[in-house]
Amino acid sequence: VQLVESGGGSVQAGKSLRLSCAASRDTFRIPCMAWFRQAPGKEREIVATFNRDRYPTYADSVKGRFTISQDNAKNTLYLQMNSLKPEDTAMYYCAASLRIDCASYSAWGHGTQVTVSS
């Protein structure tokens, strides 16, 4: 499966962005999808996930501010990011797991940059 992210940009703190991830196959057939991010000099971290039951989970740092959603008609995964903070600055990646147990993610997009200024 190929994944293509879009929607990144440069915004001021407190503003919002919505990231999109277009998949090359039916998203309802993909067991798990997720958003990761990696800031310069830091390890990649998981931001939000959708498991096979489409139950969302979030990193503590984004709970209450970010929302993961999916439109199966468009084969697209979204990440709505509100109340952005400078520490949210990172390259954001969409990922898909084709494993039923979602133990690992094998498909990745190329990323979209999010920069938040104070």
C-alpha atoms as a PDB file:
ATOM      1  CA  VAL A   1       0.000   0.000   0.000  1.00  0.00           C
ATOM      2  CA  GLN A   2       1.255   3.474  -0.863  1.00  0.00           C
ATOM      3  CA  LEU A   3       0.578   6.403   1.441  1.00  0.00           C
ATOM      4  CA  VAL A   4       0.832  10.092   0.576  1.00  0.00           C
ATOM      5  CA  GLU A   5       0.590  12.766   3.253  1.00  0.00           C
ATOM      6  CA  SER A   6      -0.418  16.375   2.756  1.00  0.00           C
ATOM      7  CA  GLY A   7      -1.601  19.355   4.753  1.00  0.00           C
ATOM      8  CA  GLY A   8       1.518  20.324   6.634  1.00  0.00           C
ATOM      9  CA  GLY A   9       2.700  23.896   6.904  1.00  0.00           C
ATOM     10  CA  SER A  10       3.919  26.700   9.129  1.00  0.00           C
ATOM     11  CA  VAL A  11       1.513  28.153  11.670  1.00  0.00           C
ATOM     12  CA  GLN A  12       1.595  30.148  14.867  1.00  0.00           C
ATOM     13  CA  ALA A  13       0.985  28.557  18.231  1.00  0.00           C
ATOM     14  CA  GLY A  14      -2.677  28.092  19.006  1.00  0.00           C
ATOM     15  CA  LYS A  15      -3.679  27.582  15.386  1.00  0.00           C
ATOM     16  CA  SER A  16      -4.901  24.421  13.687  1.00  0.00           C
ATOM     17  CA  LEU A  17      -3.881  22.182  10.812  1.00  0.00           C
ATOM     18  CA  ARG A  18      -5.424  19.100   9.292  1.00  0.00           C
ATOM     19  CA  LEU A  19      -3.154  16.459   7.837  1.00  0.00           C
ATOM     20  CA  SER A  20      -4.383  14.016   5.213  1.00  0.00           C
ATOM     21  CA  CYS A  21      -3.030  10.637   4.197  1.00  0.00           C
ATOM     22  CA  ALA A  22      -4.274   9.186   0.932  1.00  0.00           C
ATOM     23  CA  ALA A  23      -3.957   5.408   0.652  1.00  0.00           C
ATOM     24  CA  SER A  24      -3.648   3.416  -2.560  1.00  0.00           C
ATOM     25  CA  ARG A  25      -6.024   0.734  -1.335  1.00  0.00           C
ATOM     26  CA  ASP A  26      -9.277   0.474   0.564  1.00  0.00           C
ATOM     27  CA  THR A  27      -8.582   1.828   4.020  1.00  0.00           C
ATOM     28  CA  PHE A  28     -11.317  -0.275   5.576  1.00  0.00           C
ATOM     29  CA  ARG A  29      -9.241  -3.329   4.659  1.00  0.00           C
ATOM     30  CA  ILE A  30      -6.158  -2.021   6.474  1.00  0.00           C
ATOM     31  CA  PRO A  31      -6.098  -3.388  10.041  1.00  0.00           C
ATOM     32  CA  CYS A  32      -4.381  -0.421  11.640  1.00  0.00           C
ATOM     33  CA  MET A  33      -3.372   3.071  10.597  1.00  0.00           C
ATOM     34  CA  ALA A  34      -1.443   5.638  12.540  1.00  0.00           C
ATOM     35  CA  TRP A  35       0.285   8.979  12.588  1.00  0.00           C
ATOM     36  CA  PHE A  36       3.874   9.258  13.783  1.00  0.00           C
ATOM     37  CA  ARG A  37       6.142  12.281  14.057  1.00  0.00           C
ATOM     38  CA  GLN A  38       9.843  12.927  14.310  1.00  0.00           C
ATOM     39  CA  ALA A  39      11.401  16.163  15.432  1.00  0.00           C
ATOM     40  CA  PRO A  40      15.023  17.056  14.625  1.00  0.00           C
ATOM     41  CA  GLY A  41      17.388  15.200  16.904  1.00  0.00           C
ATOM     42  CA  LYS A  42      14.630  13.122  18.435  1.00  0.00           C
ATOM     43  CA  GLU A  43      13.337   9.620  17.933  1.00  0.00           C
ATOM     44  CA  ARG A  44      10.176   8.970  15.991  1.00  0.00           C
ATOM     45  CA  GLU A  45       7.137   8.811  18.237  1.00  0.00           C
ATOM     46  CA  ILE A  46       3.606   7.633  17.739  1.00  0.00           C
ATOM     47  CA  VAL A  47       0.993  10.363  17.810  1.00  0.00           C
ATOM     48  CA  ALA A  48      -2.324   8.638  17.177  1.00  0.00           C
ATOM     49  CA  THR A  49      -3.557   5.247  16.042  1.00  0.00           C
ATOM     50  CA  PHE A  50      -6.656   3.584  14.749  1.00  0.00           C
ATOM     51  CA  ASN A  51      -6.788  -0.131  15.533  1.00  0.00           C
ATOM     52  CA  ARG A  52      -8.795  -2.749  13.637  1.00  0.00           C
ATOM     53  CA  ASP A  53     -11.922  -1.749  15.532  1.00  0.00           C
ATOM     54  CA  ARG A  54     -11.212   1.887  14.642  1.00  0.00           C
ATOM     55  CA  TYR A  55     -10.758   2.740  18.300  1.00  0.00           C
ATOM     56  CA  PRO A  56      -8.462   5.755  18.542  1.00  0.00           C
ATOM     57  CA  THR A  57      -5.520   6.089  20.878  1.00  0.00           C
ATOM     58  CA  TYR A  58      -3.359   9.156  21.406  1.00  0.00           C
ATOM     59  CA  ALA A  59      -0.026  10.090  22.855  1.00  0.00           C
ATOM     60  CA  ASP A  60      -0.444  11.906  26.161  1.00  0.00           C
ATOM     61  CA  SER A  61       1.163  14.995  24.670  1.00  0.00           C
ATOM     62  CA  VAL A  62      -1.633  15.436  22.108  1.00  0.00           C
ATOM     63  CA  LYS A  63      -4.701  14.169  23.964  1.00  0.00           C
ATOM     64  CA  GLY A  64      -7.540  16.638  23.798  1.00  0.00           C
ATOM     65  CA  ARG A  65      -5.893  18.572  20.966  1.00  0.00           C
ATOM     66  CA  PHE A  66      -5.497  16.078  18.110  1.00  0.00           C
ATOM     67  CA  THR A  67      -8.163  13.884  16.518  1.00  0.00           C
ATOM     68  CA  ILE A  68      -7.553  10.952  14.179  1.00  0.00           C
ATOM     69  CA  SER A  69     -10.289  10.067  11.730  1.00  0.00           C
ATOM     70  CA  GLN A  70     -10.796   8.116   8.544  1.00  0.00           C
ATOM     71  CA  ASP A  71     -12.956   8.461   5.450  1.00  0.00           C
ATOM     72  CA  ASN A  72     -13.216   5.061   3.811  1.00  0.00           C
ATOM     73  CA  ALA A  73     -15.064   6.489   0.816  1.00  0.00           C
ATOM     74  CA  LYS A  74     -11.959   8.564   0.065  1.00  0.00           C
ATOM     75  CA  ASN A  75      -9.409   6.033   1.359  1.00  0.00           C
ATOM     76  CA  THR A  76      -7.981   8.815   3.462  1.00  0.00           C
ATOM     77  CA  LEU A  77      -6.757   9.084   7.029  1.00  0.00           C
ATOM     78  CA  TYR A  78      -6.807  12.470   8.761  1.00  0.00           C
ATOM     79  CA  LEU A  79      -5.192  14.106  11.741  1.00  0.00           C
ATOM     80  CA  GLN A  80      -6.920  17.243  12.973  1.00  0.00           C
ATOM     81  CA  MET A  81      -4.464  19.216  15.077  1.00  0.00           C
ATOM     82  CA  ASN A  82      -5.822  22.027  17.226  1.00  0.00           C
ATOM     83  CA  SER A  83      -4.157  24.331  19.741  1.00  0.00           C
ATOM     84  CA  LEU A  84      -0.783  23.648  18.182  1.00  0.00           C
ATOM     85  CA  LYS A  85       2.331  24.210  20.264  1.00  0.00           C
ATOM     86  CA  PRO A  86       5.932  24.808  19.208  1.00  0.00           C
ATOM     87  CA  GLU A  87       6.781  21.359  20.553  1.00  0.00           C
ATOM     88  CA  ASP A  88       4.477  19.871  17.929  1.00  0.00           C
ATOM     89  CA  THR A  89       7.002  20.914  15.276  1.00  0.00           C
ATOM     90  CA  ALA A  90       8.084  17.760  13.447  1.00  0.00           C
ATOM     91  CA  MET A  91       7.833  15.745  10.280  1.00  0.00           C
ATOM     92  CA  TYR A  92       4.567  13.850  10.430  1.00  0.00           C
ATOM     93  CA  TYR A  93       4.242  10.413   8.864  1.00  0.00           C
ATOM     94  CA  CYS A  94       1.268   8.268   8.059  1.00  0.00           C
ATOM     95  CA  ALA A  95       1.705   4.506   8.507  1.00  0.00           C
ATOM     96  CA  ALA A  96      -0.284   1.359   7.906  1.00  0.00           C
ATOM     97  CA  SER A  97      -0.076  -2.068   9.459  1.00  0.00           C
ATOM     98  CA  LEU A  98      -1.199  -5.040   7.417  1.00  0.00           C
ATOM     99  CA  ARG A  99      -0.923  -7.356  10.389  1.00  0.00           C
ATOM    100  CA  ILE A 100      -4.082  -8.343  12.170  1.00  0.00           C
ATOM    101  CA  ASP A 101      -2.353  -7.757  15.498  1.00  0.00           C
ATOM    102  CA  CYS A 102      -0.973  -4.400  14.274  1.00  0.00           C
ATOM    103  CA  ALA A 103       2.337  -5.266  15.919  1.00  0.00           C
ATOM    104  CA  SER A 104       4.360  -3.382  13.336  1.00  0.00           C
ATOM    105  CA  TYR A 105       3.860  -0.846  10.587  1.00  0.00           C
ATOM    106  CA  SER A 106       5.176  -1.814   7.177  1.00  0.00           C
ATOM    107  CA  ALA A 107       3.882   0.957   4.937  1.00  0.00           C
ATOM    108  CA  TRP A 108       4.966   4.556   5.360  1.00  0.00           C
ATOM    109  CA  GLY A 109       4.437   7.828   3.617  1.00  0.00           C
ATOM    110  CA  HIS A 110       7.207  10.304   2.888  1.00  0.00           C
ATOM    111  CA  GLY A 111       6.006  12.728   5.523  1.00  0.00           C
ATOM    112  CA  THR A 112       4.690  16.263   5.726  1.00  0.00           C
ATOM    113  CA  GLN A 113       6.396  19.005   7.710  1.00  0.00           C
ATOM    114  CA  VAL A 114       4.598  20.854  10.487  1.00  0.00           C
ATOM    115  CA  THR A 115       6.264  23.925  11.952  1.00  0.00           C
ATOM    116  CA  VAL A 116       4.708  25.815  14.843  1.00  0.00           C
ATOM    117  CA  SER A 117       6.139  29.163  15.874  1.00  0.00           C
ATOM    118  CA  SER A 118       5.617  30.856  19.211  1.00  0.00           C
END
